[in-house]
Amino acid sequence: MTPELLAHLDHAAEEFRYQERFDEIHEAVYRWDVWAAAYLIGGGCSDDSFMDFRAGLIALGRDWYERAAACPDSLAEHPAVIAAAEAYDDEAVFYEDVNYAASDAFKRITGGEEDFYEAWDEYAASHDSSGQDAEDIGEDFDFDDPDEMRLRLPRLAALYLRDTAH
């Protein structure tokens, strides 16, 4: 490793700490009930889209993140979610760029000369930042069953399942 890279890595320690925390809270909402909320809000939700949705939850700020983590149905109260439902917009809360905040900052610090993911792997290995034990992600259920969605996420279902109302 060159002295220049070591200097960049010293400056990048904050980005690495951010990435550690981001990964921790991003993973904490990897649950079926949160995915169901994303599915309703997004009109469907792939694996990749669910990554973006969880990043979007983080971007909403601590209060909304914690509310959604405790009760995903509470997102029915978020102004952006309400507005998106009224406009039939399926992009509320999905925010892909948040996934790359640390790597973008790292590029600015290093002038784009060093690879964030290689440096991150080195940092993670030396700081025991590797994956945590898999947590219980809850009970899987049929996101395409409107009755099940109404049962589990009644407020979001009321906003997004208007066409299938009883």
N, C-alpha and C. Protein backbone atom coordinates (compact mmCIF):
# COMPACT_ATOMS: atom_id res chain seq x y z
N MET A 1 0.84 -1.16 0.00
CA MET A 1 0.00 0.00 0.00
C MET A 1 0.89 1.23 0.00
N THR A 2 0.55 2.18 -0.84
CA THR A 2 1.36 3.39 -0.95
C THR A 2 1.06 4.35 0.20
N PRO A 3 1.98 5.23 0.51
CA PRO A 3 1.73 6.22 1.56
C PRO A 3 0.51 7.10 1.23
N GLU A 4 0.33 7.40 -0.07
CA GLU A 4 -0.82 8.20 -0.48
C GLU A 4 -2.12 7.48 -0.14
N LEU A 5 -2.16 6.17 -0.42
CA LEU A 5 -3.37 5.39 -0.14
C LEU A 5 -3.61 5.33 1.37
N LEU A 6 -2.54 5.15 2.14
CA LEU A 6 -2.71 5.12 3.59
C LEU A 6 -3.28 6.44 4.11
N ALA A 7 -2.81 7.55 3.56
CA ALA A 7 -3.33 8.86 3.96
C ALA A 7 -4.81 8.97 3.59
N HIS A 8 -5.16 8.50 2.40
CA HIS A 8 -6.57 8.52 1.98
C HIS A 8 -7.42 7.66 2.90
N LEU A 9 -6.88 6.50 3.27
CA LEU A 9 -7.64 5.60 4.13
C LEU A 9 -7.85 6.20 5.51
N ASP A 10 -6.85 6.93 6.02
CA ASP A 10 -7.02 7.62 7.30
C ASP A 10 -8.17 8.61 7.21
N HIS A 11 -8.24 9.34 6.10
CA HIS A 11 -9.32 10.30 5.91
C HIS A 11 -10.65 9.60 5.65
N ALA A 12 -10.60 8.39 5.12
CA ALA A 12 -11.81 7.66 4.77
C ALA A 12 -12.39 6.88 5.94
N ALA A 13 -11.73 6.89 7.07
CA ALA A 13 -12.23 6.12 8.22
C ALA A 13 -13.66 6.49 8.56
N GLU A 14 -14.01 7.76 8.43
CA GLU A 14 -15.38 8.19 8.72
C GLU A 14 -16.36 7.55 7.74
N GLU A 15 -15.97 7.46 6.48
CA GLU A 15 -16.83 6.82 5.49
C GLU A 15 -17.01 5.33 5.80
N PHE A 16 -15.94 4.71 6.26
CA PHE A 16 -16.03 3.29 6.61
C PHE A 16 -16.94 3.09 7.82
N ARG A 17 -16.81 3.96 8.82
CA ARG A 17 -17.69 3.86 9.99
C ARG A 17 -19.14 4.09 9.57
N TYR A 18 -19.36 5.04 8.68
CA TYR A 18 -20.71 5.28 8.15
C TYR A 18 -21.21 4.01 7.47
N GLN A 19 -20.38 3.40 6.63
CA GLN A 19 -20.79 2.20 5.90
C GLN A 19 -21.14 1.07 6.86
N GLU A 20 -20.36 0.93 7.93
CA GLU A 20 -20.67 -0.09 8.95
C GLU A 20 -22.06 0.12 9.53
N ARG A 21 -22.33 1.34 9.93
CA ARG A 21 -23.63 1.65 10.54
C ARG A 21 -24.75 1.52 9.52
N PHE A 22 -24.51 2.00 8.31
CA PHE A 22 -25.50 1.88 7.25
C PHE A 22 -25.86 0.41 7.02
N ASP A 23 -24.84 -0.43 6.89
CA ASP A 23 -25.09 -1.85 6.68
C ASP A 23 -25.90 -2.46 7.82
N GLU A 24 -25.58 -2.05 9.04
CA GLU A 24 -26.28 -2.57 10.21
C GLU A 24 -27.77 -2.22 10.18
N ILE A 25 -28.08 -0.96 9.94
CA ILE A 25 -29.49 -0.57 9.97
C ILE A 25 -30.21 -0.96 8.68
N HIS A 26 -29.49 -1.07 7.60
CA HIS A 26 -30.07 -1.54 6.34
C HIS A 26 -30.50 -3.00 6.49
N GLU A 27 -29.65 -3.78 7.11
CA GLU A 27 -29.94 -5.20 7.33
C GLU A 27 -31.06 -5.40 8.35
N ALA A 28 -31.15 -4.50 9.33
CA ALA A 28 -32.15 -4.64 10.39
C ALA A 28 -33.59 -4.58 9.87
N VAL A 29 -33.80 -3.95 8.73
CA VAL A 29 -35.15 -3.88 8.16
C VAL A 29 -35.32 -4.85 6.98
N TYR A 30 -34.43 -5.83 6.90
CA TYR A 30 -34.60 -6.90 5.92
C TYR A 30 -35.57 -7.90 6.53
N ARG A 31 -36.86 -7.57 6.39
CA ARG A 31 -37.92 -8.39 6.97
C ARG A 31 -39.09 -8.45 6.00
N TRP A 32 -39.87 -9.53 6.14
CA TRP A 32 -41.02 -9.72 5.25
C TRP A 32 -42.04 -8.60 5.39
N ASP A 33 -42.31 -8.14 6.60
CA ASP A 33 -43.33 -7.10 6.77
C ASP A 33 -42.90 -5.78 6.12
N VAL A 34 -41.61 -5.47 6.20
CA VAL A 34 -41.10 -4.26 5.55
C VAL A 34 -41.13 -4.44 4.03
N TRP A 35 -40.79 -5.65 3.57
CA TRP A 35 -40.82 -5.93 2.13
C TRP A 35 -42.26 -5.81 1.62
N ALA A 36 -43.23 -6.25 2.41
CA ALA A 36 -44.63 -6.12 2.01
C ALA A 36 -45.02 -4.66 1.86
N ALA A 37 -44.55 -3.80 2.77
CA ALA A 37 -44.82 -2.37 2.65
C ALA A 37 -44.21 -1.82 1.36
N ALA A 38 -42.98 -2.23 1.07
CA ALA A 38 -42.33 -1.80 -0.17
C ALA A 38 -43.11 -2.30 -1.39
N TYR A 39 -43.62 -3.50 -1.29
CA TYR A 39 -44.38 -4.11 -2.39
C TYR A 39 -45.65 -3.29 -2.66
N LEU A 40 -46.33 -2.87 -1.62
CA LEU A 40 -47.52 -2.04 -1.81
C LEU A 40 -47.16 -0.68 -2.38
N ILE A 41 -46.21 -0.02 -1.77
CA ILE A 41 -45.82 1.33 -2.18
C ILE A 41 -45.27 1.34 -3.60
N GLY A 42 -44.48 0.32 -3.94
CA GLY A 42 -43.85 0.27 -5.25
C GLY A 42 -44.65 -0.43 -6.33
N GLY A 43 -45.81 -0.95 -6.00
CA GLY A 43 -46.57 -1.69 -7.00
C GLY A 43 -45.86 -2.96 -7.40
N GLY A 44 -45.15 -3.57 -6.44
CA GLY A 44 -44.28 -4.72 -6.65
C GLY A 44 -42.91 -4.35 -6.12
N CYS A 45 -42.06 -5.35 -5.88
CA CYS A 45 -40.75 -5.02 -5.33
C CYS A 45 -39.81 -6.21 -5.47
N SER A 46 -38.83 -6.07 -6.36
CA SER A 46 -37.80 -7.10 -6.55
C SER A 46 -36.78 -7.04 -5.43
N ASP A 47 -35.83 -7.99 -5.44
CA ASP A 47 -34.73 -7.97 -4.46
C ASP A 47 -33.95 -6.65 -4.53
N ASP A 48 -33.59 -6.24 -5.75
CA ASP A 48 -32.83 -5.01 -5.91
C ASP A 48 -33.63 -3.79 -5.46
N SER A 49 -34.90 -3.77 -5.81
CA SER A 49 -35.74 -2.65 -5.39
C SER A 49 -35.88 -2.60 -3.88
N PHE A 50 -35.90 -3.77 -3.24
CA PHE A 50 -36.01 -3.79 -1.78
C PHE A 50 -34.76 -3.20 -1.14
N MET A 51 -33.61 -3.39 -1.75
CA MET A 51 -32.39 -2.73 -1.26
C MET A 51 -32.57 -1.22 -1.31
N ASP A 52 -33.12 -0.73 -2.42
CA ASP A 52 -33.33 0.71 -2.60
C ASP A 52 -34.38 1.24 -1.62
N PHE A 53 -35.40 0.45 -1.36
CA PHE A 53 -36.44 0.86 -0.42
C PHE A 53 -35.85 1.00 0.99
N ARG A 54 -35.05 0.02 1.41
CA ARG A 54 -34.44 0.09 2.74
C ARG A 54 -33.49 1.28 2.83
N ALA A 55 -32.77 1.58 1.75
CA ALA A 55 -31.93 2.77 1.72
C ALA A 55 -32.79 4.02 1.84
N GLY A 56 -33.93 4.01 1.17
CA GLY A 56 -34.86 5.13 1.27
C GLY A 56 -35.40 5.32 2.68
N LEU A 57 -35.66 4.22 3.37
CA LEU A 57 -36.09 4.34 4.77
C LEU A 57 -35.04 5.05 5.59
N ILE A 58 -33.79 4.71 5.37
CA ILE A 58 -32.68 5.36 6.08
C ILE A 58 -32.65 6.84 5.73
N ALA A 59 -32.86 7.16 4.46
CA ALA A 59 -32.83 8.55 4.01
C ALA A 59 -33.98 9.38 4.58
N LEU A 60 -35.05 8.73 5.01
CA LEU A 60 -36.16 9.46 5.62
C LEU A 60 -35.79 10.06 6.97
N GLY A 61 -34.70 9.58 7.55
CA GLY A 61 -34.26 10.09 8.85
C GLY A 61 -34.61 9.12 9.96
N ARG A 62 -33.98 9.37 11.10
CA ARG A 62 -34.10 8.45 12.23
C ARG A 62 -35.54 8.23 12.67
N ASP A 63 -36.32 9.30 12.82
CA ASP A 63 -37.69 9.16 13.30
C ASP A 63 -38.52 8.25 12.40
N TRP A 64 -38.52 8.53 11.12
CA TRP A 64 -39.32 7.70 10.20
C TRP A 64 -38.75 6.30 10.05
N TYR A 65 -37.43 6.18 10.05
CA TYR A 65 -36.83 4.85 9.99
C TYR A 65 -37.29 4.02 11.19
N GLU A 66 -37.18 4.58 12.38
CA GLU A 66 -37.57 3.84 13.58
C GLU A 66 -39.06 3.52 13.59
N ARG A 67 -39.88 4.44 13.14
CA ARG A 67 -41.32 4.18 13.06
C ARG A 67 -41.59 3.03 12.10
N ALA A 68 -40.97 3.07 10.93
CA ALA A 68 -41.19 2.02 9.93
C ALA A 68 -40.63 0.69 10.41
N ALA A 69 -39.50 0.72 11.09
CA ALA A 69 -38.92 -0.52 11.61
C ALA A 69 -39.84 -1.15 12.65
N ALA A 70 -40.46 -0.33 13.48
CA ALA A 70 -41.37 -0.83 14.51
C ALA A 70 -42.70 -1.27 13.92
N CYS A 71 -43.17 -0.54 12.91
CA CYS A 71 -44.47 -0.82 12.31
C CYS A 71 -44.46 -0.31 10.87
N PRO A 72 -44.15 -1.18 9.91
CA PRO A 72 -44.08 -0.73 8.52
C PRO A 72 -45.36 -0.04 8.03
N ASP A 73 -46.50 -0.42 8.58
CA ASP A 73 -47.77 0.19 8.18
C ASP A 73 -47.83 1.68 8.52
N SER A 74 -46.98 2.14 9.45
CA SER A 74 -46.95 3.56 9.81
C SER A 74 -46.51 4.43 8.63
N LEU A 75 -45.88 3.85 7.63
CA LEU A 75 -45.49 4.63 6.45
C LEU A 75 -46.70 5.23 5.75
N ALA A 76 -47.89 4.71 6.03
CA ALA A 76 -49.12 5.27 5.45
C ALA A 76 -49.35 6.71 5.91
N GLU A 77 -48.63 7.13 6.96
CA GLU A 77 -48.76 8.49 7.48
C GLU A 77 -47.71 9.43 6.90
N HIS A 78 -46.73 8.91 6.18
CA HIS A 78 -45.66 9.76 5.65
C HIS A 78 -46.21 10.59 4.48
N PRO A 79 -45.97 11.90 4.48
CA PRO A 79 -46.50 12.75 3.41
C PRO A 79 -46.12 12.31 2.00
N ALA A 80 -44.89 11.86 1.81
CA ALA A 80 -44.46 11.43 0.47
C ALA A 80 -45.19 10.16 0.04
N VAL A 81 -45.46 9.28 0.97
CA VAL A 81 -46.18 8.04 0.66
C VAL A 81 -47.63 8.36 0.32
N ILE A 82 -48.24 9.25 1.08
CA ILE A 82 -49.62 9.66 0.81
C ILE A 82 -49.72 10.32 -0.57
N ALA A 83 -48.82 11.25 -0.84
CA ALA A 83 -48.83 11.95 -2.13
C ALA A 83 -48.59 10.98 -3.28
N ALA A 84 -47.69 10.04 -3.09
CA ALA A 84 -47.41 9.06 -4.15
C ALA A 84 -48.62 8.18 -4.41
N ALA A 85 -49.32 7.78 -3.36
CA ALA A 85 -50.51 6.95 -3.54
C ALA A 85 -51.58 7.71 -4.31
N GLU A 86 -51.75 8.98 -4.00
CA GLU A 86 -52.75 9.80 -4.68
C GLU A 86 -52.40 10.01 -6.15
N ALA A 87 -51.10 10.07 -6.45
CA ALA A 87 -50.65 10.31 -7.82
C ALA A 87 -50.34 9.02 -8.58
N TYR A 88 -50.58 7.88 -7.95
CA TYR A 88 -50.24 6.58 -8.54
C TYR A 88 -48.76 6.53 -8.91
N ASP A 89 -47.94 7.11 -8.06
CA ASP A 89 -46.48 7.14 -8.25
C ASP A 89 -45.89 6.00 -7.42
N ASP A 90 -45.11 5.14 -8.06
CA ASP A 90 -44.58 3.97 -7.36
C ASP A 90 -43.12 4.14 -6.92
N GLU A 91 -42.66 5.39 -6.79
CA GLU A 91 -41.26 5.60 -6.45
C GLU A 91 -41.03 6.17 -5.06
N ALA A 92 -42.09 6.43 -4.30
CA ALA A 92 -41.91 6.99 -2.96
C ALA A 92 -41.07 6.04 -2.11
N VAL A 93 -40.12 6.57 -1.41
CA VAL A 93 -39.24 5.89 -0.46
C VAL A 93 -38.09 5.14 -1.15
N PHE A 94 -38.22 4.73 -2.38
CA PHE A 94 -37.14 4.01 -3.07
C PHE A 94 -36.06 5.02 -3.44
N TYR A 95 -34.83 4.82 -2.93
CA TYR A 95 -33.77 5.81 -3.14
C TYR A 95 -32.44 5.09 -3.28
N GLU A 96 -32.16 4.64 -4.48
CA GLU A 96 -30.97 3.82 -4.77
C GLU A 96 -29.66 4.50 -4.40
N ASP A 97 -29.53 5.80 -4.69
CA ASP A 97 -28.26 6.49 -4.50
C ASP A 97 -27.76 6.45 -3.05
N VAL A 98 -28.66 6.31 -2.09
CA VAL A 98 -28.24 6.27 -0.68
C VAL A 98 -27.35 5.05 -0.43
N ASN A 99 -27.56 3.98 -1.19
CA ASN A 99 -26.72 2.79 -1.04
C ASN A 99 -25.25 3.08 -1.31
N TYR A 100 -24.96 4.14 -2.03
CA TYR A 100 -23.60 4.42 -2.49
C TYR A 100 -23.00 5.67 -1.86
N ALA A 101 -23.59 6.18 -0.80
CA ALA A 101 -23.10 7.42 -0.19
C ALA A 101 -21.65 7.30 0.26
N ALA A 102 -21.30 6.22 0.94
CA ALA A 102 -19.93 6.06 1.43
C ALA A 102 -18.94 5.91 0.27
N SER A 103 -19.31 5.13 -0.73
CA SER A 103 -18.38 4.94 -1.86
C SER A 103 -18.22 6.24 -2.65
N ASP A 104 -19.27 7.03 -2.78
CA ASP A 104 -19.16 8.32 -3.47
C ASP A 104 -18.26 9.28 -2.70
N ALA A 105 -18.42 9.32 -1.38
CA ALA A 105 -17.55 10.17 -0.56
C ALA A 105 -16.10 9.71 -0.66
N PHE A 106 -15.90 8.40 -0.64
CA PHE A 106 -14.56 7.83 -0.76
C PHE A 106 -13.91 8.26 -2.09
N LYS A 107 -14.68 8.23 -3.15
CA LYS A 107 -14.15 8.65 -4.46
C LYS A 107 -13.70 10.11 -4.43
N ARG A 108 -14.49 10.96 -3.75
CA ARG A 108 -14.10 12.37 -3.66
C ARG A 108 -12.81 12.52 -2.86
N ILE A 109 -12.68 11.77 -1.79
CA ILE A 109 -11.49 11.86 -0.94
C ILE A 109 -10.25 11.38 -1.68
N THR A 110 -10.39 10.28 -2.41
CA THR A 110 -9.22 9.69 -3.09
C THR A 110 -9.03 10.22 -4.50
N GLY A 111 -9.93 11.08 -4.93
CA GLY A 111 -9.85 11.57 -6.30
C GLY A 111 -10.21 10.49 -7.30
N GLY A 112 -10.91 9.48 -6.84
CA GLY A 112 -11.35 8.41 -7.73
C GLY A 112 -10.27 7.42 -8.08
N GLU A 113 -9.11 7.54 -7.43
CA GLU A 113 -7.99 6.69 -7.78
C GLU A 113 -8.01 5.33 -7.10
N GLU A 114 -8.71 5.21 -6.01
CA GLU A 114 -8.74 3.96 -5.27
C GLU A 114 -10.14 3.36 -5.31
N ASP A 115 -10.23 2.06 -5.25
CA ASP A 115 -11.50 1.37 -5.29
C ASP A 115 -12.07 1.27 -3.87
N PHE A 116 -13.25 1.83 -3.66
CA PHE A 116 -13.89 1.81 -2.34
C PHE A 116 -14.07 0.39 -1.84
N TYR A 117 -14.55 -0.50 -2.70
CA TYR A 117 -14.91 -1.84 -2.25
C TYR A 117 -13.69 -2.67 -1.85
N GLU A 118 -12.57 -2.46 -2.52
CA GLU A 118 -11.33 -3.12 -2.10
C GLU A 118 -10.88 -2.58 -0.74
N ALA A 119 -10.92 -1.25 -0.60
CA ALA A 119 -10.52 -0.63 0.66
C ALA A 119 -11.50 -1.02 1.77
N TRP A 120 -12.79 -1.09 1.44
CA TRP A 120 -13.79 -1.49 2.43
C TRP A 120 -13.54 -2.91 2.91
N ASP A 121 -13.22 -3.81 1.99
CA ASP A 121 -12.94 -5.20 2.37
C ASP A 121 -11.77 -5.27 3.34
N GLU A 122 -10.73 -4.49 3.07
CA GLU A 122 -9.58 -4.45 3.97
C GLU A 122 -9.97 -3.90 5.34
N TYR A 123 -10.71 -2.82 5.33
CA TYR A 123 -11.17 -2.21 6.59
C TYR A 123 -12.04 -3.20 7.37
N ALA A 124 -13.01 -3.79 6.69
CA ALA A 124 -13.93 -4.72 7.35
C ALA A 124 -13.19 -5.91 7.94
N ALA A 125 -12.20 -6.43 7.22
CA ALA A 125 -11.43 -7.57 7.72
C ALA A 125 -10.64 -7.19 8.96
N SER A 126 -10.13 -5.98 9.00
CA SER A 126 -9.32 -5.56 10.14
C SER A 126 -10.15 -5.06 11.32
N HIS A 127 -11.45 -4.81 11.08
CA HIS A 127 -12.32 -4.30 12.14
C HIS A 127 -13.45 -5.26 12.47
N ASP A 128 -13.34 -6.49 12.01
CA ASP A 128 -14.37 -7.50 12.25
C ASP A 128 -15.75 -6.98 11.88
N SER A 129 -15.85 -6.34 10.71
CA SER A 129 -17.10 -5.78 10.24
C SER A 129 -17.85 -6.73 9.34
N SER A 130 -17.37 -7.95 9.26
CA SER A 130 -18.03 -8.91 8.38
C SER A 130 -19.41 -9.21 8.93
N GLY A 131 -20.19 -9.86 8.11
CA GLY A 131 -21.61 -10.09 8.39
C GLY A 131 -21.93 -10.55 9.79
N GLN A 132 -23.14 -10.20 10.22
CA GLN A 132 -23.62 -10.62 11.52
C GLN A 132 -24.45 -11.88 11.34
N ASP A 133 -24.82 -12.48 12.47
CA ASP A 133 -25.68 -13.65 12.39
C ASP A 133 -26.99 -13.27 11.74
N ALA A 134 -27.52 -14.18 10.94
CA ALA A 134 -28.80 -13.94 10.29
C ALA A 134 -29.88 -13.80 11.35
N GLU A 135 -30.70 -12.80 11.18
CA GLU A 135 -31.78 -12.57 12.13
C GLU A 135 -33.07 -13.12 11.55
N ASP A 136 -34.04 -13.29 12.41
CA ASP A 136 -35.35 -13.73 12.00
C ASP A 136 -35.99 -12.60 11.18
N ILE A 137 -36.41 -12.91 9.98
CA ILE A 137 -37.01 -11.88 9.13
C ILE A 137 -38.53 -11.96 9.13
N GLY A 138 -39.07 -12.73 10.05
CA GLY A 138 -40.51 -12.80 10.20
C GLY A 138 -41.14 -13.86 9.32
N GLU A 139 -42.43 -13.82 9.29
CA GLU A 139 -43.21 -14.81 8.55
C GLU A 139 -43.42 -14.36 7.11
N ASP A 140 -43.09 -15.23 6.20
CA ASP A 140 -43.33 -14.99 4.78
C ASP A 140 -44.83 -15.12 4.52
N PHE A 141 -45.33 -14.29 3.63
CA PHE A 141 -46.74 -14.38 3.26
C PHE A 141 -46.93 -13.89 1.84
N ASP A 142 -48.10 -14.09 1.28
CA ASP A 142 -48.39 -13.79 -0.12
C ASP A 142 -48.69 -12.30 -0.30
N PHE A 143 -47.76 -11.59 -0.89
CA PHE A 143 -47.93 -10.15 -1.12
C PHE A 143 -49.01 -9.88 -2.17
N ASP A 144 -49.32 -10.87 -2.99
CA ASP A 144 -50.32 -10.68 -4.04
C ASP A 144 -51.74 -11.00 -3.56
N ASP A 145 -51.89 -11.36 -2.31
CA ASP A 145 -53.21 -11.64 -1.74
C ASP A 145 -53.71 -10.36 -1.06
N PRO A 146 -54.66 -9.66 -1.70
CA PRO A 146 -55.13 -8.39 -1.13
C PRO A 146 -55.69 -8.53 0.28
N ASP A 147 -56.36 -9.63 0.57
CA ASP A 147 -56.91 -9.82 1.91
C ASP A 147 -55.79 -9.94 2.94
N GLU A 148 -54.74 -10.66 2.59
CA GLU A 148 -53.60 -10.82 3.49
C GLU A 148 -52.91 -9.47 3.72
N MET A 149 -52.76 -8.69 2.65
CA MET A 149 -52.12 -7.38 2.77
C MET A 149 -52.98 -6.44 3.62
N ARG A 150 -54.28 -6.49 3.45
CA ARG A 150 -55.17 -5.67 4.27
C ARG A 150 -55.10 -6.05 5.74
N LEU A 151 -54.94 -7.32 6.00
CA LEU A 151 -54.83 -7.82 7.36
C LEU A 151 -53.53 -7.35 8.01
N ARG A 152 -52.43 -7.46 7.29
CA ARG A 152 -51.11 -7.18 7.86
C ARG A 152 -50.72 -5.71 7.80
N LEU A 153 -51.14 -5.00 6.77
CA LEU A 153 -50.78 -3.59 6.57
C LEU A 153 -52.05 -2.80 6.20
N PRO A 154 -52.98 -2.67 7.12
CA PRO A 154 -54.29 -2.11 6.77
C PRO A 154 -54.25 -0.67 6.25
N ARG A 155 -53.41 0.17 6.83
CA ARG A 155 -53.38 1.58 6.39
C ARG A 155 -52.73 1.73 5.01
N LEU A 156 -51.62 1.02 4.79
CA LEU A 156 -51.01 1.06 3.47
C LEU A 156 -51.92 0.42 2.43
N ALA A 157 -52.56 -0.67 2.78
CA ALA A 157 -53.48 -1.33 1.85
C ALA A 157 -54.62 -0.39 1.49
N ALA A 158 -55.12 0.38 2.45
CA ALA A 158 -56.19 1.33 2.15
C ALA A 158 -55.74 2.37 1.13
N LEU A 159 -54.48 2.77 1.20
CA LEU A 159 -53.94 3.74 0.23
C LEU A 159 -53.70 3.13 -1.14
N TYR A 160 -53.17 1.91 -1.16
CA TYR A 160 -52.65 1.35 -2.41
C TYR A 160 -53.51 0.27 -3.04
N LEU A 161 -54.44 -0.30 -2.34
CA LEU A 161 -55.27 -1.36 -2.92
C LEU A 161 -56.70 -0.88 -3.18
N ARG A 162 -56.81 0.33 -3.63
CA ARG A 162 -58.13 0.90 -3.91
C ARG A 162 -58.89 0.11 -4.96
N ASP A 163 -58.18 -0.36 -5.98
CA ASP A 163 -58.83 -1.06 -7.09
C ASP A 163 -59.38 -2.41 -6.70
N THR A 164 -58.94 -2.95 -5.57
CA THR A 164 -59.40 -4.28 -5.16
C THR A 164 -60.21 -4.20 -3.88
N ALA A 165 -60.73 -3.00 -3.56
CA ALA A 165 -61.49 -2.83 -2.32
C ALA A 165 -62.75 -3.69 -2.34
N HIS A 166 -63.14 -4.11 -1.16
CA HIS A 166 -64.34 -4.93 -1.05
C HIS A 166 -65.57 -4.08 -1.02
